[in-house]
Amino acid sequence: MLSELQKMLTGELYHTDNQQLIEMRNRSHKFMQEFNDFTLNQPEKIHILKQWLGKIGKNCTIEPNFRCDYGMNIELGDSFYANYDCIILDYAKVSIGNNVMLGPRVNLFTATHPIDAEIRNAGLEYAKPIVIEDNVWIGGNATILPGITIKENSIIAAGAVVTKDVPANSIVGGNPAKLIRKITSKDYDYWHSLLKH
């Protein structure tokens, strides 16, 4: 028989009021309180993140206030940056690649709830993982919903609500987010031409 933690991590319905899960969230909240002290220097913050998160790559910066439920389900690649007030509800795994930037108040939500009110009111919920591949920029106040994959080199416009997977080399925006346009070689040529001046 699966534990409530195992059910949570495998996307099955689970009880949120399970004692093991409560203790794990309480542990995370202690790290959160310590981390969000504005007087900490970067090495002190990294030390906390290494104890708290599932994986942290090189050259990662997270500005306070940072909030998450467990921490252990978050994996960060190299050169990750999250601006102020990031929220990651990591009931399922959140995998973030290299060179990913999050604007202020970005939300990543893996937790979700049953449509049936009786099941929902019984304290049952479930979670779906989020994957963000390399070189993604997510603008301020964007929200990424459960089960979403954002492919490499994509941009999520500020304020977007992402309800579907995002293809590689795409710019999406709106609520719900829709494709604005693809990123092409013309973009590369334009931005690299600016380096010559």
N, C-alpha and C. Protein backbone atom coordinates (compact mmCIF):
# COMPACT_ATOMS: atom_id res chain seq x y z
N MET A 1 0.84 -1.18 0.00
CA MET A 1 0.00 0.00 0.00
C MET A 1 0.88 1.25 0.00
N LEU A 2 0.55 2.20 -0.85
CA LEU A 2 1.36 3.41 -0.98
C LEU A 2 1.09 4.37 0.18
N SER A 3 2.16 5.03 0.63
CA SER A 3 1.99 6.09 1.63
C SER A 3 1.38 7.31 0.96
N GLU A 4 0.91 8.26 1.76
CA GLU A 4 0.35 9.50 1.20
C GLU A 4 1.44 10.27 0.44
N LEU A 5 2.67 10.22 0.92
CA LEU A 5 3.78 10.86 0.21
C LEU A 5 3.98 10.22 -1.16
N GLN A 6 3.99 8.90 -1.21
CA GLN A 6 4.16 8.20 -2.50
C GLN A 6 3.01 8.52 -3.45
N LYS A 7 1.80 8.57 -2.91
CA LYS A 7 0.65 8.93 -3.76
C LYS A 7 0.82 10.34 -4.31
N MET A 8 1.24 11.27 -3.45
CA MET A 8 1.42 12.66 -3.88
C MET A 8 2.44 12.74 -5.02
N LEU A 9 3.55 12.02 -4.86
CA LEU A 9 4.65 12.10 -5.84
C LEU A 9 4.36 11.36 -7.14
N THR A 10 3.37 10.46 -7.11
CA THR A 10 3.03 9.71 -8.33
C THR A 10 1.74 10.19 -8.99
N GLY A 11 1.19 11.32 -8.50
CA GLY A 11 0.03 11.92 -9.15
C GLY A 11 -1.30 11.30 -8.78
N GLU A 12 -1.34 10.49 -7.71
CA GLU A 12 -2.60 9.91 -7.26
C GLU A 12 -3.26 10.83 -6.23
N LEU A 13 -4.54 10.60 -5.99
CA LEU A 13 -5.24 11.33 -4.93
C LEU A 13 -4.60 10.99 -3.59
N TYR A 14 -4.39 12.01 -2.76
CA TYR A 14 -3.79 11.78 -1.44
C TYR A 14 -4.40 12.77 -0.44
N HIS A 15 -4.24 12.45 0.83
CA HIS A 15 -4.75 13.30 1.91
C HIS A 15 -3.68 14.30 2.32
N THR A 16 -3.99 15.59 2.26
CA THR A 16 -3.02 16.62 2.60
C THR A 16 -2.77 16.72 4.09
N ASP A 17 -3.70 16.20 4.91
CA ASP A 17 -3.55 16.32 6.36
C ASP A 17 -2.78 15.16 6.97
N ASN A 18 -2.10 14.38 6.14
CA ASN A 18 -1.26 13.29 6.61
C ASN A 18 -0.12 13.82 7.47
N GLN A 19 0.16 13.16 8.59
CA GLN A 19 1.14 13.67 9.55
C GLN A 19 2.54 13.79 8.95
N GLN A 20 2.96 12.83 8.15
CA GLN A 20 4.28 12.91 7.53
C GLN A 20 4.39 14.13 6.62
N LEU A 21 3.35 14.38 5.84
CA LEU A 21 3.37 15.53 4.94
C LEU A 21 3.34 16.84 5.72
N ILE A 22 2.58 16.88 6.80
CA ILE A 22 2.55 18.09 7.64
C ILE A 22 3.93 18.38 8.20
N GLU A 23 4.62 17.35 8.69
CA GLU A 23 5.97 17.53 9.24
C GLU A 23 6.95 18.00 8.17
N MET A 24 6.81 17.47 6.97
CA MET A 24 7.70 17.88 5.87
C MET A 24 7.45 19.33 5.49
N ARG A 25 6.18 19.75 5.47
CA ARG A 25 5.87 21.15 5.17
C ARG A 25 6.37 22.07 6.28
N ASN A 26 6.24 21.63 7.53
CA ASN A 26 6.75 22.43 8.64
C ASN A 26 8.26 22.62 8.56
N ARG A 27 8.98 21.56 8.17
CA ARG A 27 10.43 21.65 7.98
C ARG A 27 10.75 22.68 6.90
N SER A 28 10.00 22.62 5.80
CA SER A 28 10.22 23.56 4.71
C SER A 28 9.93 24.99 5.16
N HIS A 29 8.90 25.18 5.97
CA HIS A 29 8.55 26.53 6.43
C HIS A 29 9.65 27.12 7.31
N LYS A 30 10.37 26.27 8.04
CA LYS A 30 11.51 26.77 8.85
C LYS A 30 12.62 27.27 7.94
N PHE A 31 12.92 26.51 6.90
CA PHE A 31 13.91 26.96 5.91
C PHE A 31 13.46 28.25 5.26
N MET A 32 12.17 28.33 4.91
CA MET A 32 11.61 29.51 4.26
C MET A 32 11.79 30.76 5.12
N GLN A 33 11.48 30.62 6.38
CA GLN A 33 11.61 31.75 7.30
C GLN A 33 13.07 32.20 7.40
N GLU A 34 13.99 31.24 7.46
CA GLU A 34 15.41 31.56 7.54
C GLU A 34 15.91 32.20 6.25
N PHE A 35 15.51 31.64 5.12
CA PHE A 35 15.98 32.10 3.82
C PHE A 35 15.53 33.52 3.51
N ASN A 36 14.31 33.87 3.90
CA ASN A 36 13.73 35.16 3.53
C ASN A 36 14.19 36.33 4.41
N ASP A 37 15.21 36.12 5.19
CA ASP A 37 15.85 37.19 5.96
C ASP A 37 16.68 38.05 4.99
N PHE A 38 16.29 39.31 4.79
CA PHE A 38 16.94 40.18 3.81
C PHE A 38 18.40 40.49 4.16
N THR A 39 18.83 40.20 5.39
CA THR A 39 20.21 40.50 5.77
C THR A 39 21.20 39.41 5.37
N LEU A 40 20.70 38.26 4.89
CA LEU A 40 21.60 37.17 4.51
C LEU A 40 22.40 37.52 3.27
N ASN A 41 23.65 37.08 3.24
CA ASN A 41 24.44 37.24 2.01
C ASN A 41 24.24 36.02 1.12
N GLN A 42 24.75 36.11 -0.11
CA GLN A 42 24.51 35.04 -1.10
C GLN A 42 25.05 33.68 -0.64
N PRO A 43 26.29 33.58 -0.11
CA PRO A 43 26.75 32.26 0.35
C PRO A 43 25.85 31.66 1.44
N GLU A 44 25.31 32.48 2.32
CA GLU A 44 24.41 31.97 3.35
C GLU A 44 23.11 31.45 2.74
N LYS A 45 22.61 32.17 1.73
CA LYS A 45 21.39 31.73 1.05
C LYS A 45 21.61 30.40 0.33
N ILE A 46 22.74 30.27 -0.35
CA ILE A 46 23.05 29.03 -1.07
C ILE A 46 23.14 27.86 -0.09
N HIS A 47 23.75 28.09 1.06
CA HIS A 47 23.85 27.04 2.08
C HIS A 47 22.46 26.54 2.49
N ILE A 48 21.53 27.45 2.69
CA ILE A 48 20.16 27.07 3.04
C ILE A 48 19.50 26.32 1.89
N LEU A 49 19.64 26.83 0.68
CA LEU A 49 19.01 26.18 -0.48
C LEU A 49 19.53 24.76 -0.68
N LYS A 50 20.81 24.53 -0.44
CA LYS A 50 21.37 23.18 -0.61
C LYS A 50 20.78 22.20 0.39
N GLN A 51 20.42 22.67 1.57
CA GLN A 51 19.79 21.80 2.56
C GLN A 51 18.30 21.61 2.27
N TRP A 52 17.70 22.59 1.61
CA TRP A 52 16.25 22.67 1.46
C TRP A 52 15.74 22.05 0.18
N LEU A 53 16.38 22.39 -0.96
CA LEU A 53 15.87 21.97 -2.26
C LEU A 53 16.40 20.60 -2.66
N GLY A 54 15.70 19.97 -3.61
CA GLY A 54 16.13 18.66 -4.10
C GLY A 54 17.45 18.72 -4.83
N LYS A 55 17.65 19.79 -5.60
CA LYS A 55 18.90 19.97 -6.36
C LYS A 55 19.06 21.44 -6.67
N ILE A 56 20.28 21.92 -6.57
CA ILE A 56 20.57 23.31 -6.96
C ILE A 56 21.87 23.32 -7.74
N GLY A 57 21.81 23.94 -8.93
CA GLY A 57 22.99 24.02 -9.78
C GLY A 57 23.90 25.17 -9.37
N LYS A 58 24.88 25.45 -10.20
CA LYS A 58 25.83 26.53 -9.93
C LYS A 58 25.22 27.89 -10.28
N ASN A 59 25.68 28.91 -9.57
CA ASN A 59 25.30 30.30 -9.86
C ASN A 59 23.79 30.54 -9.84
N CYS A 60 23.13 30.04 -8.81
CA CYS A 60 21.69 30.23 -8.67
C CYS A 60 21.40 31.37 -7.70
N THR A 61 20.43 32.19 -8.05
CA THR A 61 20.01 33.30 -7.18
C THR A 61 18.49 33.30 -7.07
N ILE A 62 18.01 33.34 -5.85
CA ILE A 62 16.57 33.48 -5.58
C ILE A 62 16.41 34.65 -4.62
N GLU A 63 15.66 35.64 -5.07
CA GLU A 63 15.42 36.81 -4.22
C GLU A 63 14.30 36.50 -3.22
N PRO A 64 14.34 37.12 -2.03
CA PRO A 64 13.21 36.96 -1.12
C PRO A 64 12.02 37.79 -1.63
N ASN A 65 10.84 37.53 -1.25
CA ASN A 65 10.42 36.39 -0.47
C ASN A 65 10.15 35.23 -1.41
N PHE A 66 10.73 34.09 -1.07
CA PHE A 66 10.54 32.87 -1.83
C PHE A 66 9.71 31.91 -1.01
N ARG A 67 8.69 31.31 -1.65
CA ARG A 67 7.82 30.40 -0.92
C ARG A 67 7.64 29.10 -1.69
N CYS A 68 7.69 28.01 -0.95
CA CYS A 68 7.37 26.69 -1.53
C CYS A 68 6.83 25.81 -0.41
N ASP A 69 6.27 24.66 -0.77
CA ASP A 69 5.67 23.78 0.22
C ASP A 69 6.65 22.77 0.80
N TYR A 70 7.46 22.16 -0.06
CA TYR A 70 8.35 21.09 0.39
C TYR A 70 9.82 21.39 0.12
N GLY A 71 10.12 22.00 -1.00
CA GLY A 71 11.50 22.28 -1.37
C GLY A 71 12.19 21.08 -1.98
N MET A 72 12.03 19.93 -1.40
CA MET A 72 12.72 18.71 -1.85
C MET A 72 12.31 18.31 -3.27
N ASN A 73 11.16 18.78 -3.74
CA ASN A 73 10.68 18.42 -5.08
C ASN A 73 11.09 19.43 -6.15
N ILE A 74 11.96 20.38 -5.78
CA ILE A 74 12.42 21.41 -6.72
C ILE A 74 13.85 21.10 -7.14
N GLU A 75 14.07 21.03 -8.45
CA GLU A 75 15.41 20.80 -8.99
C GLU A 75 15.77 21.96 -9.92
N LEU A 76 16.84 22.67 -9.57
CA LEU A 76 17.27 23.84 -10.34
C LEU A 76 18.57 23.54 -11.08
N GLY A 77 18.63 23.92 -12.36
CA GLY A 77 19.86 23.81 -13.12
C GLY A 77 20.79 24.98 -12.82
N ASP A 78 21.85 25.10 -13.60
CA ASP A 78 22.83 26.18 -13.43
C ASP A 78 22.25 27.52 -13.86
N SER A 79 22.76 28.58 -13.24
CA SER A 79 22.43 29.97 -13.62
C SER A 79 20.93 30.24 -13.60
N PHE A 80 20.28 29.78 -12.55
CA PHE A 80 18.86 30.04 -12.35
C PHE A 80 18.71 31.36 -11.61
N TYR A 81 17.71 32.16 -12.00
CA TYR A 81 17.42 33.40 -11.29
C TYR A 81 15.92 33.54 -11.10
N ALA A 82 15.50 33.77 -9.85
CA ALA A 82 14.10 34.07 -9.55
C ALA A 82 14.04 35.41 -8.85
N ASN A 83 13.27 36.34 -9.41
CA ASN A 83 13.11 37.66 -8.83
C ASN A 83 12.18 37.57 -7.61
N TYR A 84 11.83 38.71 -7.03
CA TYR A 84 11.09 38.76 -5.78
C TYR A 84 9.75 38.04 -5.84
N ASP A 85 9.37 37.45 -4.70
CA ASP A 85 8.04 36.91 -4.45
C ASP A 85 7.65 35.73 -5.33
N CYS A 86 8.61 34.86 -5.61
CA CYS A 86 8.33 33.64 -6.37
C CYS A 86 7.62 32.63 -5.47
N ILE A 87 6.61 31.96 -6.02
CA ILE A 87 5.90 30.90 -5.31
C ILE A 87 5.97 29.62 -6.15
N ILE A 88 6.45 28.55 -5.53
CA ILE A 88 6.47 27.23 -6.19
C ILE A 88 5.73 26.25 -5.29
N LEU A 89 4.56 25.81 -5.71
CA LEU A 89 3.83 24.78 -4.98
C LEU A 89 4.32 23.43 -5.50
N ASP A 90 5.29 22.88 -4.79
CA ASP A 90 6.01 21.70 -5.28
C ASP A 90 5.50 20.40 -4.66
N TYR A 91 4.21 20.12 -4.84
CA TYR A 91 3.66 18.85 -4.39
C TYR A 91 4.10 17.73 -5.33
N ALA A 92 4.35 18.05 -6.57
CA ALA A 92 5.00 17.15 -7.53
C ALA A 92 6.34 17.78 -7.90
N LYS A 93 7.13 17.06 -8.66
CA LYS A 93 8.46 17.55 -9.01
C LYS A 93 8.37 18.77 -9.92
N VAL A 94 9.22 19.75 -9.65
CA VAL A 94 9.41 20.91 -10.51
C VAL A 94 10.85 20.86 -10.99
N SER A 95 11.05 20.57 -12.28
CA SER A 95 12.38 20.44 -12.86
C SER A 95 12.67 21.65 -13.73
N ILE A 96 13.71 22.39 -13.37
CA ILE A 96 14.06 23.62 -14.08
C ILE A 96 15.47 23.48 -14.62
N GLY A 97 15.64 23.76 -15.92
CA GLY A 97 16.93 23.59 -16.59
C GLY A 97 17.90 24.72 -16.32
N ASN A 98 18.89 24.83 -17.19
CA ASN A 98 19.94 25.84 -17.07
C ASN A 98 19.50 27.17 -17.69
N ASN A 99 20.01 28.26 -17.12
CA ASN A 99 19.79 29.61 -17.67
C ASN A 99 18.31 29.97 -17.76
N VAL A 100 17.59 29.69 -16.69
CA VAL A 100 16.17 30.03 -16.62
C VAL A 100 16.01 31.25 -15.73
N MET A 101 15.20 32.22 -16.19
CA MET A 101 14.96 33.45 -15.43
C MET A 101 13.46 33.58 -15.16
N LEU A 102 13.13 33.88 -13.90
CA LEU A 102 11.75 34.14 -13.51
C LEU A 102 11.63 35.58 -13.07
N GLY A 103 10.67 36.31 -13.62
CA GLY A 103 10.40 37.68 -13.20
C GLY A 103 9.76 37.70 -11.81
N PRO A 104 9.49 38.89 -11.29
CA PRO A 104 8.86 38.98 -9.98
C PRO A 104 7.46 38.38 -9.96
N ARG A 105 7.14 37.77 -8.84
CA ARG A 105 5.81 37.19 -8.57
C ARG A 105 5.39 36.11 -9.55
N VAL A 106 6.36 35.34 -10.04
CA VAL A 106 6.03 34.18 -10.88
C VAL A 106 5.53 33.06 -9.98
N ASN A 107 4.51 32.34 -10.47
CA ASN A 107 3.90 31.23 -9.73
C ASN A 107 4.01 29.94 -10.53
N LEU A 108 4.51 28.89 -9.88
CA LEU A 108 4.55 27.55 -10.47
C LEU A 108 3.72 26.64 -9.58
N PHE A 109 2.60 26.16 -10.09
CA PHE A 109 1.66 25.40 -9.27
C PHE A 109 1.57 23.96 -9.76
N THR A 110 2.03 23.00 -8.96
CA THR A 110 1.83 21.58 -9.30
C THR A 110 0.57 21.03 -8.66
N ALA A 111 0.10 21.65 -7.58
CA ALA A 111 -1.06 21.14 -6.84
C ALA A 111 -2.35 21.44 -7.58
N THR A 112 -3.26 20.48 -7.55
CA THR A 112 -4.57 20.68 -8.15
C THR A 112 -5.61 19.88 -7.38
N HIS A 113 -6.86 20.09 -7.71
CA HIS A 113 -7.96 19.54 -6.90
C HIS A 113 -8.98 18.85 -7.79
N PRO A 114 -9.67 17.83 -7.24
CA PRO A 114 -10.70 17.13 -8.01
C PRO A 114 -11.86 18.06 -8.37
N ILE A 115 -12.47 17.80 -9.50
CA ILE A 115 -13.63 18.58 -9.92
C ILE A 115 -14.83 18.24 -9.04
N ASP A 116 -14.94 16.98 -8.62
CA ASP A 116 -16.06 16.55 -7.78
C ASP A 116 -15.93 17.17 -6.39
N ALA A 117 -16.94 17.93 -5.97
CA ALA A 117 -16.89 18.65 -4.69
C ALA A 117 -16.80 17.71 -3.49
N GLU A 118 -17.47 16.57 -3.54
CA GLU A 118 -17.45 15.64 -2.41
C GLU A 118 -16.03 15.11 -2.16
N ILE A 119 -15.36 14.74 -3.22
CA ILE A 119 -13.97 14.26 -3.12
C ILE A 119 -13.07 15.40 -2.65
N ARG A 120 -13.25 16.56 -3.23
CA ARG A 120 -12.44 17.73 -2.85
C ARG A 120 -12.63 18.08 -1.38
N ASN A 121 -13.90 18.06 -0.91
CA ASN A 121 -14.20 18.41 0.48
C ASN A 121 -13.70 17.36 1.47
N ALA A 122 -13.38 16.17 0.98
CA ALA A 122 -12.83 15.11 1.84
C ALA A 122 -11.34 15.34 2.11
N GLY A 123 -10.77 16.44 1.57
CA GLY A 123 -9.36 16.74 1.81
C GLY A 123 -8.41 16.03 0.87
N LEU A 124 -8.94 15.54 -0.24
CA LEU A 124 -8.10 14.86 -1.23
C LEU A 124 -7.70 15.83 -2.33
N GLU A 125 -6.46 15.73 -2.75
CA GLU A 125 -5.98 16.49 -3.91
C GLU A 125 -4.95 15.64 -4.63
N TYR A 126 -4.42 16.16 -5.73
CA TYR A 126 -3.37 15.47 -6.47
C TYR A 126 -2.46 16.51 -7.10
N ALA A 127 -1.36 16.06 -7.68
CA ALA A 127 -0.38 16.99 -8.23
C ALA A 127 0.19 16.46 -9.53
N LYS A 128 0.59 17.39 -10.39
CA LYS A 128 1.20 17.05 -11.68
C LYS A 128 2.51 17.83 -11.80
N PRO A 129 3.57 17.20 -12.30
CA PRO A 129 4.88 17.86 -12.36
C PRO A 129 4.93 18.99 -13.39
N ILE A 130 5.88 19.88 -13.18
CA ILE A 130 6.17 20.97 -14.12
C ILE A 130 7.61 20.81 -14.58
N VAL A 131 7.83 20.96 -15.89
CA VAL A 131 9.17 20.91 -16.46
C VAL A 131 9.42 22.20 -17.22
N ILE A 132 10.53 22.86 -16.90
CA ILE A 132 10.95 24.06 -17.62
C ILE A 132 12.35 23.78 -18.15
N GLU A 133 12.48 23.75 -19.46
CA GLU A 133 13.77 23.39 -20.07
C GLU A 133 14.72 24.58 -20.10
N ASP A 134 15.89 24.41 -20.70
CA ASP A 134 16.95 25.41 -20.70
C ASP A 134 16.55 26.71 -21.41
N ASN A 135 17.13 27.81 -20.94
CA ASN A 135 17.07 29.12 -21.61
C ASN A 135 15.66 29.70 -21.71
N VAL A 136 14.86 29.46 -20.68
CA VAL A 136 13.49 29.97 -20.66
C VAL A 136 13.42 31.23 -19.81
N TRP A 137 12.68 32.22 -20.28
CA TRP A 137 12.44 33.46 -19.53
C TRP A 137 10.94 33.55 -19.28
N ILE A 138 10.57 33.66 -18.00
CA ILE A 138 9.17 33.77 -17.61
C ILE A 138 8.96 35.15 -17.00
N GLY A 139 8.10 35.96 -17.62
CA GLY A 139 7.88 37.33 -17.19
C GLY A 139 7.09 37.43 -15.89
N GLY A 140 7.15 38.61 -15.27
CA GLY A 140 6.53 38.86 -13.98
C GLY A 140 5.04 38.56 -13.95
N ASN A 141 4.59 38.03 -12.82
CA ASN A 141 3.19 37.71 -12.57
C ASN A 141 2.64 36.60 -13.46
N ALA A 142 3.51 35.87 -14.14
CA ALA A 142 3.03 34.73 -14.93
C ALA A 142 2.74 33.56 -14.00
N THR A 143 1.79 32.72 -14.41
CA THR A 143 1.42 31.53 -13.65
C THR A 143 1.51 30.32 -14.54
N ILE A 144 2.23 29.29 -14.06
CA ILE A 144 2.37 28.03 -14.79
C ILE A 144 1.55 26.99 -14.03
N LEU A 145 0.58 26.38 -14.70
CA LEU A 145 -0.34 25.46 -14.05
C LEU A 145 0.20 24.02 -14.02
N PRO A 146 -0.45 23.13 -13.25
CA PRO A 146 0.05 21.76 -13.09
C PRO A 146 0.17 21.00 -14.41
N GLY A 147 1.24 20.20 -14.49
CA GLY A 147 1.43 19.31 -15.63
C GLY A 147 2.03 19.94 -16.87
N ILE A 148 2.49 21.17 -16.78
CA ILE A 148 2.97 21.90 -17.96
C ILE A 148 4.45 21.64 -18.20
N THR A 149 4.82 21.52 -19.48
CA THR A 149 6.22 21.50 -19.91
C THR A 149 6.45 22.72 -20.80
N ILE A 150 7.49 23.48 -20.47
CA ILE A 150 7.90 24.62 -21.29
C ILE A 150 9.22 24.24 -21.94
N LYS A 151 9.21 24.13 -23.25
CA LYS A 151 10.40 23.69 -23.98
C LYS A 151 11.45 24.79 -24.08
N GLU A 152 12.63 24.41 -24.48
CA GLU A 152 13.81 25.29 -24.46
C GLU A 152 13.64 26.56 -25.29
N ASN A 153 14.34 27.60 -24.81
CA ASN A 153 14.46 28.90 -25.50
C ASN A 153 13.16 29.68 -25.61
N SER A 154 12.17 29.33 -24.81
CA SER A 154 10.87 29.99 -24.93
C SER A 154 10.75 31.16 -23.95
N ILE A 155 9.80 32.04 -24.25
CA ILE A 155 9.52 33.21 -23.42
C ILE A 155 8.03 33.20 -23.08
N ILE A 156 7.75 33.38 -21.77
CA ILE A 156 6.38 33.49 -21.30
C ILE A 156 6.16 34.96 -20.94
N ALA A 157 5.22 35.62 -21.60
CA ALA A 157 4.99 37.05 -21.37
C ALA A 157 4.48 37.30 -19.95
N ALA A 158 4.77 38.50 -19.46
CA ALA A 158 4.31 38.90 -18.13
C ALA A 158 2.80 38.75 -18.02
N GLY A 159 2.33 38.22 -16.91
CA GLY A 159 0.91 38.07 -16.66
C GLY A 159 0.24 36.88 -17.33
N ALA A 160 1.00 36.10 -18.08
CA ALA A 160 0.41 34.95 -18.78
C ALA A 160 -0.03 33.88 -17.79
N VAL A 161 -1.08 33.15 -18.17
CA VAL A 161 -1.49 31.96 -17.43
C VAL A 161 -1.33 30.78 -18.39
N VAL A 162 -0.33 29.95 -18.11
CA VAL A 162 0.03 28.88 -19.04
C VAL A 162 -0.74 27.62 -18.68
N THR A 163 -1.65 27.22 -19.57
CA THR A 163 -2.52 26.07 -19.35
C THR A 163 -2.19 24.89 -20.26
N LYS A 164 -1.30 25.10 -21.23
CA LYS A 164 -0.90 24.04 -22.16
C LYS A 164 0.61 24.08 -22.34
N ASP A 165 1.19 22.95 -22.76
CA ASP A 165 2.63 22.88 -23.00
C ASP A 165 3.05 23.94 -24.01
N VAL A 166 4.28 24.43 -23.84
CA VAL A 166 4.82 25.48 -24.72
C VAL A 166 5.92 24.87 -25.57
N PRO A 167 5.81 24.94 -26.92
CA PRO A 167 6.85 24.39 -27.80
C PRO A 167 8.15 25.18 -27.68
N ALA A 168 9.23 24.57 -28.11
CA ALA A 168 10.54 25.23 -28.10
C ALA A 168 10.50 26.49 -28.98
N ASN A 169 11.33 27.47 -28.61
CA ASN A 169 11.51 28.68 -29.42
C ASN A 169 10.20 29.43 -29.67
N SER A 170 9.39 29.55 -28.63
CA SER A 170 8.09 30.20 -28.76
C SER A 170 7.95 31.35 -27.77
N ILE A 171 7.16 32.34 -28.15
CA ILE A 171 6.74 33.40 -27.24
C ILE A 171 5.24 33.24 -27.06
N VAL A 172 4.80 33.07 -25.80
CA VAL A 172 3.37 32.93 -25.51
C VAL A 172 2.96 33.99 -24.50
N GLY A 173 1.68 34.35 -24.55
CA GLY A 173 1.16 35.33 -23.60
C GLY A 173 -0.35 35.29 -23.55
N GLY A 174 -0.92 35.93 -22.52
CA GLY A 174 -2.36 36.02 -22.38
C GLY A 174 -2.90 35.05 -21.34
N ASN A 175 -4.24 35.08 -21.19
CA ASN A 175 -4.93 34.21 -20.24
C ASN A 175 -6.18 33.66 -20.91
N PRO A 176 -6.16 32.38 -21.32
CA PRO A 176 -5.04 31.46 -21.24
C PRO A 176 -3.98 31.81 -22.28
N ALA A 177 -2.73 31.43 -21.97
CA ALA A 177 -1.61 31.79 -22.85
C ALA A 177 -1.75 31.14 -24.22
N LYS A 178 -1.47 31.94 -25.25
CA LYS A 178 -1.51 31.46 -26.63
C LYS A 178 -0.21 31.87 -27.31
N LEU A 179 0.11 31.17 -28.39
CA LEU A 179 1.31 31.48 -29.15
C LEU A 179 1.22 32.88 -29.74
N ILE A 180 2.20 33.72 -29.43
CA ILE A 180 2.30 35.04 -30.04
C ILE A 180 3.10 34.93 -31.33
N ARG A 181 4.26 34.30 -31.22
CA ARG A 181 5.06 34.03 -32.43
C ARG A 181 6.20 33.10 -32.07
N LYS A 182 6.84 32.57 -33.10
CA LYS A 182 8.03 31.74 -32.93
C LYS A 182 9.26 32.65 -32.89
N ILE A 183 10.28 32.20 -32.19
CA ILE A 183 11.58 32.87 -32.18
C ILE A 183 12.37 32.30 -33.35
N THR A 184 12.91 33.18 -34.21
CA THR A 184 13.54 32.73 -35.46
C THR A 184 14.98 33.23 -35.56
N SER A 185 15.60 32.88 -36.66
CA SER A 185 16.97 33.33 -36.93
C SER A 185 17.03 34.85 -37.09
N LYS A 186 15.92 35.48 -37.48
CA LYS A 186 15.90 36.95 -37.57
C LYS A 186 16.11 37.58 -36.19
N ASP A 187 15.54 36.97 -35.17
CA ASP A 187 15.76 37.46 -33.80
C ASP A 187 17.24 37.35 -33.43
N TYR A 188 17.81 36.20 -33.76
CA TYR A 188 19.24 35.99 -33.48
C TYR A 188 20.07 37.05 -34.19
N ASP A 189 19.81 37.25 -35.47
CA ASP A 189 20.60 38.23 -36.26
C ASP A 189 20.46 39.64 -35.69
N TYR A 190 19.23 40.02 -35.33
CA TYR A 190 19.00 41.36 -34.80
C TYR A 190 19.77 41.58 -33.50
N TRP A 191 19.60 40.68 -32.55
CA TRP A 191 20.22 40.88 -31.24
C TRP A 191 21.73 40.78 -31.29
N HIS A 192 22.24 39.93 -32.16
CA HIS A 192 23.70 39.83 -32.28
C HIS A 192 24.29 41.02 -33.03
N SER A 193 23.49 41.65 -33.89
CA SER A 193 23.98 42.85 -34.58
C SER A 193 24.20 44.00 -33.59
N LEU A 194 23.43 44.02 -32.52
CA LEU A 194 23.57 45.05 -31.50
C LEU A 194 24.89 44.96 -30.75
N LEU A 195 25.45 43.75 -30.70
CA LEU A 195 26.72 43.56 -30.00
C LEU A 195 27.89 44.20 -30.76
N LYS A 196 27.70 44.46 -32.04
CA LYS A 196 28.78 45.02 -32.87
C LYS A 196 28.94 46.52 -32.67
N HIS A 197 27.98 47.15 -32.05
CA HIS A 197 28.04 48.62 -31.88
C HIS A 197 28.75 49.00 -30.61
